[in-house]
Amino acid sequence: MDQMTSHFATGHKHNFSAGPCILPTTVFQQAAQAVLNFNDSGLSILEISHRSKDFVAVMDEVRALSLSLLGLEGKGYQAIFLHGGASLEFLRVPYNMMKLNGKAAYLDTGTWANNALKEAKAFGETVVVASSKADNYTHIPKDFTVPADADYFHCTSNNTIFGTQMKSFPTTDIPVVCDMSSDIFSRQLDFSAFDLIYAGAQKNMGPAGTTLIVVKEDVLGKTGRAIPPMMDYKVHIDKESMYNTPAVFAVYTSLLTLRWLQEMGGIAAIEKQNEAKAALIYAEIDRNPLFRGTTAVADRSTMNATFLLQDESAHQALFDSLWKGAGIVGLNGHRSVGGYRASMYNALPIESVQTLVDAMQLLEQRA
C-alpha cells in the first residue's frame, strides 16, 4: 500500500493546514507504535528518559541526518534541536550574532520576518534593507543592497501567510541567517551559502514542539556580549542538544520524517513532487475565471498557494461546501489576506491537490 492509498484508506482528510500540518502516513504509524512501545523497551516514547541510550541514539541520528540531507556534512556546521519554535530564534539570533553596539540587516517580507526584525531592535541598530509591507507583502523586494558593515543579514525564505517565496538570495560577505520554517527540506539550494538556518518542525519535519537550528560554528562567539546559557548556541552544541530536556516525541517524529524523506530520494526527489503540486494548483488559479492569485507570479510560493474568489458574495458559500464535502480541511486563508491558502508541504500527496482543483472546476460548472 503506497503513501497516498494508505493515507486515504484510513479516512484521513486532505490536509492543507499551514501548520501543524500533514505528515507521512508511515510516520504516523511508526510514531503511534512508539507511543505504545518504543524500540521494544516496554516503555512509551512519551516516558523514556532523554538520557537513555535509545533516545541519545535518536538525537545523534536526527542531527547527523539533518546535515546529510542539506549537504552540510563535514563543512563546519552543527545541527541542534531546541525548544521555543522559530519565534524564540528571533531572539536567539541577535543574542548570538549581533555584536555589542553592532547592527544587523533584515529583509522584511512578511509577518514572521517583521516579528524577527522587532526582536533584533532590542539588541542594537537594525537596518531594513527592503520591505514589501506597504503592498501587504504581495511580492519579494528585489535589487536591495546588504550593508557590508552589518554583523549579519537575516531573511525569511518562505512566507506562509502571504504565499511568497524567495527564489534567489543575495551574495554578501557578511553572515547570512535564514528562517526556513515553512520550506526547509522542500527544494534544492546551496545551503552552504547560509551561516545559520532555523526552522520550526511543524511544517516539513514533524509535530510542533521542536526547532532545528543549523549553524556554522565559526560565526559564533564573536559578539562580545554575555549570553544566558539557554540562549547560547555554543552551549547547546557542546551539550549535543541536551542542555535541558529536549522535546523527545517531537524530535523522534522529526527523525522518522527525515528518514522518510531520505527513502523518497532526498530533497532532489521531493522538490520535483512539490513543483508538480504547485504547477497544478497555480494553473487552475490562472485558468479559472472565478479565482485569482494574491501574489506576484514570480514570487509564488511552492509551499503555500494563496488565492481569492473574484466574487465572494456570489460564490463563497457554494465553494466552501464543495471543498469541505470533498474531505478538504485547512484551506481558509489567514485573516491578513483572506480567501484561501493551500499549504502543500512535502507529505501532501498530489492527489489532494487534484481534489482541490476538481472542487474549483466544479464551482465553475455550477456557478
Protein backbone atom coordinates (compact mmCIF):
# COMPACT_ATOMS: atom_id res chain seq x y z
CA MET A 1 0.00 0.00 0.00
CA ASP A 2 1.61 3.28 -1.08
CA GLN A 3 1.72 6.58 0.79
CA MET A 4 -1.36 8.11 -0.85
CA THR A 5 -3.52 4.97 -0.77
CA SER A 6 -2.76 4.22 2.87
CA HIS A 7 -3.41 7.84 3.83
CA PHE A 8 -6.94 7.95 2.47
CA ALA A 9 -7.81 4.30 3.14
CA THR A 10 -7.89 5.31 6.80
CA GLY A 11 -10.38 8.11 6.14
CA HIS A 12 -7.68 10.75 6.52
CA LYS A 13 -8.65 14.22 5.26
CA HIS A 14 -6.93 16.21 2.54
CA ASN A 15 -4.99 18.40 4.96
CA PHE A 16 -3.97 21.80 3.56
CA SER A 17 -3.28 23.28 7.00
CA ALA A 18 -0.40 25.77 7.20
CA GLY A 19 0.92 24.09 10.34
CA PRO A 20 0.94 21.96 12.31
CA CYS A 21 0.50 20.13 9.06
CA ILE A 22 0.23 16.82 7.27
CA LEU A 23 2.94 14.20 7.86
CA PRO A 24 3.61 10.93 6.01
CA THR A 25 1.33 8.03 6.90
CA THR A 26 4.29 5.82 7.72
CA VAL A 27 5.46 8.42 10.21
CA PHE A 28 2.06 8.42 11.94
CA GLN A 29 2.17 4.64 12.12
CA GLN A 30 5.70 4.42 13.47
CA ALA A 31 5.15 7.25 15.94
CA ALA A 32 1.93 5.64 17.17
CA GLN A 33 3.74 2.36 17.77
CA ALA A 34 6.48 4.19 19.66
CA VAL A 35 3.88 5.80 21.91
CA LEU A 36 2.84 2.29 22.92
CA ASN A 37 6.27 0.62 22.98
CA PHE A 38 9.44 2.36 21.87
CA ASN A 39 12.19 0.11 20.47
CA ASP A 40 10.68 -2.92 22.27
CA SER A 41 11.75 -1.31 25.53
CA GLY A 42 8.42 -1.86 27.25
CA LEU A 43 8.22 1.91 27.64
CA SER A 44 6.46 4.63 25.65
CA ILE A 45 8.47 7.27 23.78
CA LEU A 46 6.48 9.67 25.96
CA GLU A 47 8.00 8.33 29.18
CA ILE A 48 11.56 7.29 28.37
CA SER A 49 14.48 9.22 29.78
CA HIS A 50 16.08 11.62 27.35
CA ARG A 51 19.38 10.32 28.72
CA SER A 52 18.60 6.71 27.81
CA LYS A 53 20.84 5.14 25.18
CA ASP A 54 17.84 4.65 22.88
CA PHE A 55 16.97 8.34 22.81
CA VAL A 56 20.58 9.53 22.69
CA ALA A 57 20.84 7.42 19.53
CA VAL A 58 17.75 9.19 18.16
CA MET A 59 19.24 12.63 18.82
CA ASP A 60 22.58 11.66 17.29
CA GLU A 61 20.91 10.29 14.17
CA VAL A 62 18.49 13.16 13.59
CA ARG A 63 21.26 15.74 13.93
CA ALA A 64 23.51 13.85 11.51
CA LEU A 65 20.69 13.17 9.05
CA SER A 66 19.70 16.84 9.01
CA LEU A 67 23.20 17.84 7.93
CA SER A 68 23.39 15.00 5.42
CA LEU A 69 20.13 15.90 3.68
CA LEU A 70 21.23 19.55 3.46
CA GLY A 71 24.64 18.58 2.06
CA LEU A 72 26.45 20.13 5.01
CA GLU A 73 28.27 17.17 6.50
CA GLY A 74 31.95 17.87 7.13
CA LYS A 75 31.60 21.57 6.31
CA GLY A 76 31.87 23.03 9.80
CA TYR A 77 28.16 23.04 10.60
CA GLN A 78 26.32 21.77 13.66
CA ALA A 79 22.65 20.80 13.92
CA ILE A 80 20.79 21.24 17.19
CA PHE A 81 17.17 20.74 18.22
CA LEU A 82 15.80 23.27 20.71
CA HIS A 83 12.55 24.48 22.24
CA GLY A 84 10.56 27.65 21.60
CA GLY A 85 9.71 27.45 17.91
CA ALA A 86 11.09 29.80 15.32
CA SER A 87 9.77 32.70 17.40
CA LEU A 88 12.39 32.12 20.08
CA GLU A 89 15.07 32.10 17.37
CA PHE A 90 14.03 35.66 16.52
CA LEU A 91 15.56 36.48 19.90
CA ARG A 92 18.37 33.91 19.98
CA VAL A 93 19.79 35.02 16.62
CA PRO A 94 20.70 38.58 17.67
CA TYR A 95 21.92 37.30 21.04
CA ASN A 96 24.43 35.10 19.22
CA MET A 97 25.12 37.13 16.08
CA MET A 98 24.86 40.86 16.83
CA LYS A 99 27.93 42.47 18.39
CA LEU A 100 27.74 44.93 21.24
CA ASN A 101 27.00 48.29 19.63
CA GLY A 102 26.68 46.44 16.33
CA LYS A 103 23.95 46.30 13.73
CA ALA A 104 22.04 43.79 11.69
CA ALA A 105 20.34 43.89 8.29
CA TYR A 106 16.85 42.48 7.76
CA LEU A 107 14.69 41.83 4.71
CA ASP A 108 11.02 42.41 5.61
CA THR A 109 8.84 40.08 3.53
CA GLY A 110 6.01 39.08 5.85
CA THR A 111 4.58 38.83 9.34
CA TRP A 112 7.24 36.47 10.70
CA ALA A 113 10.09 38.39 9.09
CA ASN A 114 8.72 41.53 10.70
CA ASN A 115 8.48 39.82 14.09
CA ALA A 116 12.12 38.76 13.81
CA LEU A 117 13.03 42.35 12.99
CA LYS A 118 11.21 43.64 16.09
CA GLU A 119 13.19 41.32 18.38
CA ALA A 120 16.52 42.40 16.88
CA LYS A 121 15.78 46.07 17.53
CA ALA A 122 16.23 45.44 21.26
CA PHE A 123 19.88 44.47 20.70
CA GLY A 124 21.22 47.24 18.52
CA GLU A 125 20.87 49.12 15.26
CA THR A 126 18.65 47.29 12.79
CA VAL A 127 18.63 48.18 9.11
CA VAL A 128 15.68 47.20 6.92
CA VAL A 129 17.29 46.65 3.53
CA ALA A 130 13.89 46.40 1.81
CA SER A 131 10.25 45.78 2.66
CA SER A 132 7.06 44.87 0.82
CA LYS A 133 4.87 45.72 3.81
CA ALA A 134 3.28 48.72 2.06
CA ASP A 135 1.96 46.29 -0.59
CA ASN A 136 0.65 43.86 2.05
CA TYR A 137 3.65 41.61 1.36
CA THR A 138 2.40 40.53 -2.06
CA HIS A 139 5.92 40.30 -3.51
CA ILE A 140 9.57 39.81 -2.57
CA PRO A 141 11.64 43.01 -2.84
CA LYS A 142 14.41 42.93 -5.43
CA ASP A 143 17.65 44.81 -6.09
CA PHE A 144 18.35 45.76 -2.48
CA THR A 145 21.80 46.30 -1.02
CA VAL A 146 23.07 44.47 2.05
CA PRO A 147 25.33 46.77 4.12
CA ALA A 148 28.85 45.37 4.31
CA ASP A 149 29.32 46.56 7.90
CA ALA A 150 26.32 44.68 9.33
CA ASP A 151 27.01 41.78 11.67
CA TYR A 152 24.61 39.56 9.71
CA PHE A 153 21.83 39.60 7.14
CA HIS A 154 18.50 37.97 8.03
CA CYS A 155 15.81 36.81 5.62
CA THR A 156 12.76 34.53 5.59
CA SER A 157 12.81 32.10 2.69
CA ASN A 158 9.05 31.42 2.52
CA ASN A 159 6.11 33.39 3.82
CA THR A 160 3.22 31.14 4.80
CA ILE A 161 0.65 33.86 5.37
CA PHE A 162 1.15 35.75 2.12
CA GLY A 163 2.23 32.92 -0.17
CA THR A 164 5.56 34.32 -1.34
CA GLN A 165 8.94 32.62 -1.55
CA MET A 166 12.46 33.84 -2.18
CA LYS A 167 13.74 32.30 -5.41
CA SER A 168 17.26 33.70 -5.01
CA PHE A 169 19.36 35.06 -2.17
CA PRO A 170 21.83 37.94 -2.11
CA THR A 171 25.56 37.34 -2.31
CA THR A 172 27.32 39.06 0.56
CA ASP A 173 30.49 38.76 2.62
CA ILE A 174 28.65 39.02 5.94
CA PRO A 175 26.97 36.02 7.65
CA VAL A 176 23.58 35.10 6.22
CA VAL A 177 20.79 33.92 8.54
CA CYS A 178 17.59 32.43 7.16
CA ASP A 179 14.29 31.42 8.73
CA MET A 180 13.32 28.38 6.63
CA SER A 181 10.47 27.23 8.84
CA SER A 182 7.99 26.63 6.05
CA ASP A 183 10.16 25.36 3.20
CA ILE A 184 13.19 23.61 4.68
CA PHE A 185 13.91 20.24 3.03
CA SER A 186 11.48 21.11 0.20
CA ARG A 187 13.83 22.35 -2.54
CA GLN A 188 17.46 22.20 -3.53
CA LEU A 189 19.59 25.17 -2.51
CA ASP A 190 23.25 25.73 -1.84
CA PHE A 191 22.75 25.51 1.90
CA SER A 192 26.43 26.28 2.47
CA ALA A 193 25.62 29.84 1.39
CA PHE A 194 23.87 30.27 4.75
CA ASP A 195 25.71 30.59 8.04
CA LEU A 196 22.67 29.93 10.21
CA ILE A 197 19.36 28.30 9.28
CA TYR A 198 16.47 27.74 11.65
CA ALA A 199 13.09 26.10 11.19
CA GLY A 200 10.18 25.11 13.38
CA ALA A 201 9.45 21.41 12.89
CA GLN A 202 5.73 21.67 12.27
CA LYS A 203 5.79 22.24 8.50
CA ASN A 204 8.09 19.75 6.79
CA MET A 205 9.74 17.89 9.68
CA GLY A 206 7.38 16.81 12.41
CA PRO A 207 4.92 17.95 15.06
CA ALA A 208 5.11 21.26 16.88
CA GLY A 209 7.46 21.36 19.83
CA THR A 210 11.00 21.47 18.49
CA THR A 211 13.10 23.67 16.23
CA LEU A 212 16.05 22.75 14.06
CA ILE A 213 18.99 25.13 14.04
CA VAL A 214 21.88 24.53 11.64
CA VAL A 215 24.81 26.84 12.27
CA LYS A 216 28.34 27.22 11.02
CA GLU A 217 30.38 27.08 14.20
CA ASP A 218 32.94 29.68 13.20
CA VAL A 219 30.36 32.50 13.18
CA LEU A 220 29.66 32.06 16.90
CA GLY A 221 31.38 33.58 19.91
CA LYS A 222 32.12 36.94 18.32
CA THR A 223 29.52 39.26 19.83
CA GLY A 224 31.36 40.38 22.97
CA ARG A 225 28.11 40.12 24.92
CA ALA A 226 27.20 37.86 27.83
CA ILE A 227 24.68 35.29 26.60
CA PRO A 228 22.47 33.39 29.05
CA PRO A 229 23.20 29.65 28.69
CA MET A 230 19.71 28.80 27.45
CA MET A 231 20.15 31.35 24.67
CA ASP A 232 23.71 30.40 23.73
CA TYR A 233 24.06 28.21 20.64
CA LYS A 234 27.56 27.16 21.69
CA VAL A 235 26.22 25.75 24.96
CA HIS A 236 23.61 23.69 23.13
CA ILE A 237 26.17 22.47 20.59
CA ASP A 238 28.55 21.41 23.35
CA LYS A 239 25.72 19.61 25.17
CA GLU A 240 24.52 17.96 21.92
CA SER A 241 21.00 19.41 22.27
CA MET A 242 20.78 18.01 25.80
CA TYR A 243 21.50 21.10 27.92
CA ASN A 244 17.91 20.79 29.11
CA THR A 245 15.33 18.09 28.45
CA PRO A 246 14.58 18.10 24.71
CA ALA A 247 11.12 17.66 23.21
CA VAL A 248 11.54 13.89 22.99
CA PHE A 249 8.45 12.99 20.97
CA ALA A 250 8.80 15.90 18.54
CA VAL A 251 12.47 15.12 17.94
CA TYR A 252 11.75 11.43 17.40
CA THR A 253 8.93 12.14 14.97
CA SER A 254 11.20 14.56 13.11
CA LEU A 255 13.71 11.74 12.75
CA LEU A 256 11.01 9.48 11.29
CA THR A 257 10.05 12.20 8.80
CA LEU A 258 13.65 12.79 7.72
CA ARG A 259 14.17 9.04 7.30
CA TRP A 260 11.06 9.02 5.08
CA LEU A 261 12.48 11.90 3.05
CA GLN A 262 15.78 10.11 2.63
CA GLU A 263 13.98 6.96 1.46
CA MET A 264 11.99 9.07 -1.03
CA GLY A 265 15.26 10.14 -2.63
CA GLY A 266 16.06 13.21 -0.54
CA ILE A 267 15.47 16.86 -1.36
CA ALA A 268 16.03 16.46 -5.12
CA ALA A 269 13.21 13.93 -5.36
CA ILE A 270 10.74 15.78 -3.15
CA GLU A 271 11.42 19.05 -4.99
CA LYS A 272 10.07 17.50 -8.21
CA GLN A 273 6.88 16.44 -6.43
CA ASN A 274 6.48 19.87 -4.85
CA GLU A 275 6.93 21.60 -8.19
CA ALA A 276 4.29 19.36 -9.75
CA LYS A 277 1.80 20.12 -6.98
CA ALA A 278 2.40 23.86 -7.24
CA ALA A 279 2.12 23.81 -11.04
CA LEU A 280 -1.22 22.02 -10.78
CA ILE A 281 -2.86 24.47 -8.38
CA TYR A 282 -1.45 27.64 -9.94
CA ALA A 283 -2.52 26.54 -13.41
CA GLU A 284 -6.10 26.24 -12.16
CA ILE A 285 -5.98 29.58 -10.33
CA ASP A 286 -4.84 31.26 -13.53
CA ARG A 287 -7.23 29.39 -15.81
CA ASN A 288 -10.43 29.51 -13.77
CA PRO A 289 -12.23 32.87 -14.18
CA LEU A 290 -13.77 32.58 -10.71
CA PHE A 291 -10.40 32.79 -8.92
CA ARG A 292 -7.34 35.00 -8.76
CA GLY A 293 -3.98 34.74 -7.04
CA THR A 294 -2.84 37.20 -4.40
CA THR A 295 0.92 37.39 -5.02
CA ALA A 296 3.32 38.38 -7.77
CA VAL A 297 3.64 35.42 -10.14
CA ALA A 298 7.44 35.46 -9.99
CA ASP A 299 7.36 35.13 -6.19
CA ARG A 300 4.68 32.48 -5.79
CA SER A 301 5.42 30.01 -3.05
CA THR A 302 5.71 26.32 -3.85
CA MET A 303 4.57 25.57 -0.31
CA ASN A 304 1.64 27.96 0.21
CA ALA A 305 -0.66 28.96 -2.65
CA THR A 306 -2.90 31.89 -1.70
CA PHE A 307 -5.92 32.84 -3.79
CA LEU A 308 -9.28 34.61 -3.71
CA LEU A 309 -12.67 34.26 -5.29
CA GLN A 310 -13.38 37.01 -7.80
CA ASP A 311 -16.86 37.41 -6.28
CA GLU A 312 -17.04 36.16 -2.70
CA SER A 313 -20.66 37.20 -2.15
CA ALA A 314 -21.81 35.15 -5.12
CA HIS A 315 -19.64 32.06 -4.78
CA GLN A 316 -18.12 31.63 -1.31
CA ALA A 317 -20.92 29.59 0.25
CA LEU A 318 -21.04 27.14 -2.66
CA PHE A 319 -17.27 26.79 -2.95
CA ASP A 320 -16.89 26.22 0.79
CA SER A 321 -19.49 23.46 0.66
CA LEU A 322 -17.73 21.84 -2.32
CA TRP A 323 -14.24 21.64 -0.86
CA LYS A 324 -15.46 20.64 2.58
CA GLY A 325 -17.65 17.99 1.01
CA ALA A 326 -14.59 16.63 -0.78
CA GLY A 327 -12.86 15.98 2.54
CA ILE A 328 -10.58 19.02 2.41
CA VAL A 329 -9.58 20.80 5.63
CA GLY A 330 -7.33 23.74 6.49
CA LEU A 331 -7.99 25.75 3.33
CA ASN A 332 -9.11 29.05 4.82
CA GLY A 333 -6.68 31.90 4.24
CA HIS A 334 -5.02 33.85 7.03
CA ARG A 335 -7.01 36.82 8.26
CA SER A 336 -4.30 39.15 6.90
CA VAL A 337 -5.05 38.02 3.36
CA GLY A 338 -8.47 36.39 3.43
CA GLY A 339 -9.63 33.97 0.79
CA TYR A 340 -7.89 30.61 0.68
CA ARG A 341 -4.47 29.13 1.32
CA ALA A 342 -3.45 25.71 0.06
CA SER A 343 -0.39 24.63 2.03
CA MET A 344 1.38 21.88 0.13
CA TYR A 345 4.19 20.64 2.32
CA ASN A 346 6.34 17.62 1.50
CA ALA A 347 3.95 14.95 2.74
CA LEU A 348 0.85 16.25 0.94
CA PRO A 349 0.05 13.90 -1.97
CA ILE A 350 -0.61 15.42 -5.38
CA GLU A 351 -3.97 13.62 -5.26
CA SER A 352 -5.03 16.09 -2.57
CA VAL A 353 -4.17 18.99 -4.85
CA GLN A 354 -6.14 17.35 -7.65
CA THR A 355 -9.13 17.03 -5.31
CA LEU A 356 -8.95 20.77 -4.66
CA VAL A 357 -8.65 21.53 -8.37
CA ASP A 358 -11.68 19.32 -9.02
CA ALA A 359 -13.68 21.35 -6.48
CA MET A 360 -12.61 24.59 -8.17
CA GLN A 361 -13.69 23.26 -11.55
CA LEU A 362 -16.98 22.02 -10.14
CA LEU A 363 -17.67 25.50 -8.83
CA GLU A 364 -17.09 26.86 -12.32
CA GLN A 365 -19.61 24.40 -13.73
CA ARG A 366 -22.28 25.17 -11.12
CA ALA A 367 -21.84 28.91 -10.70
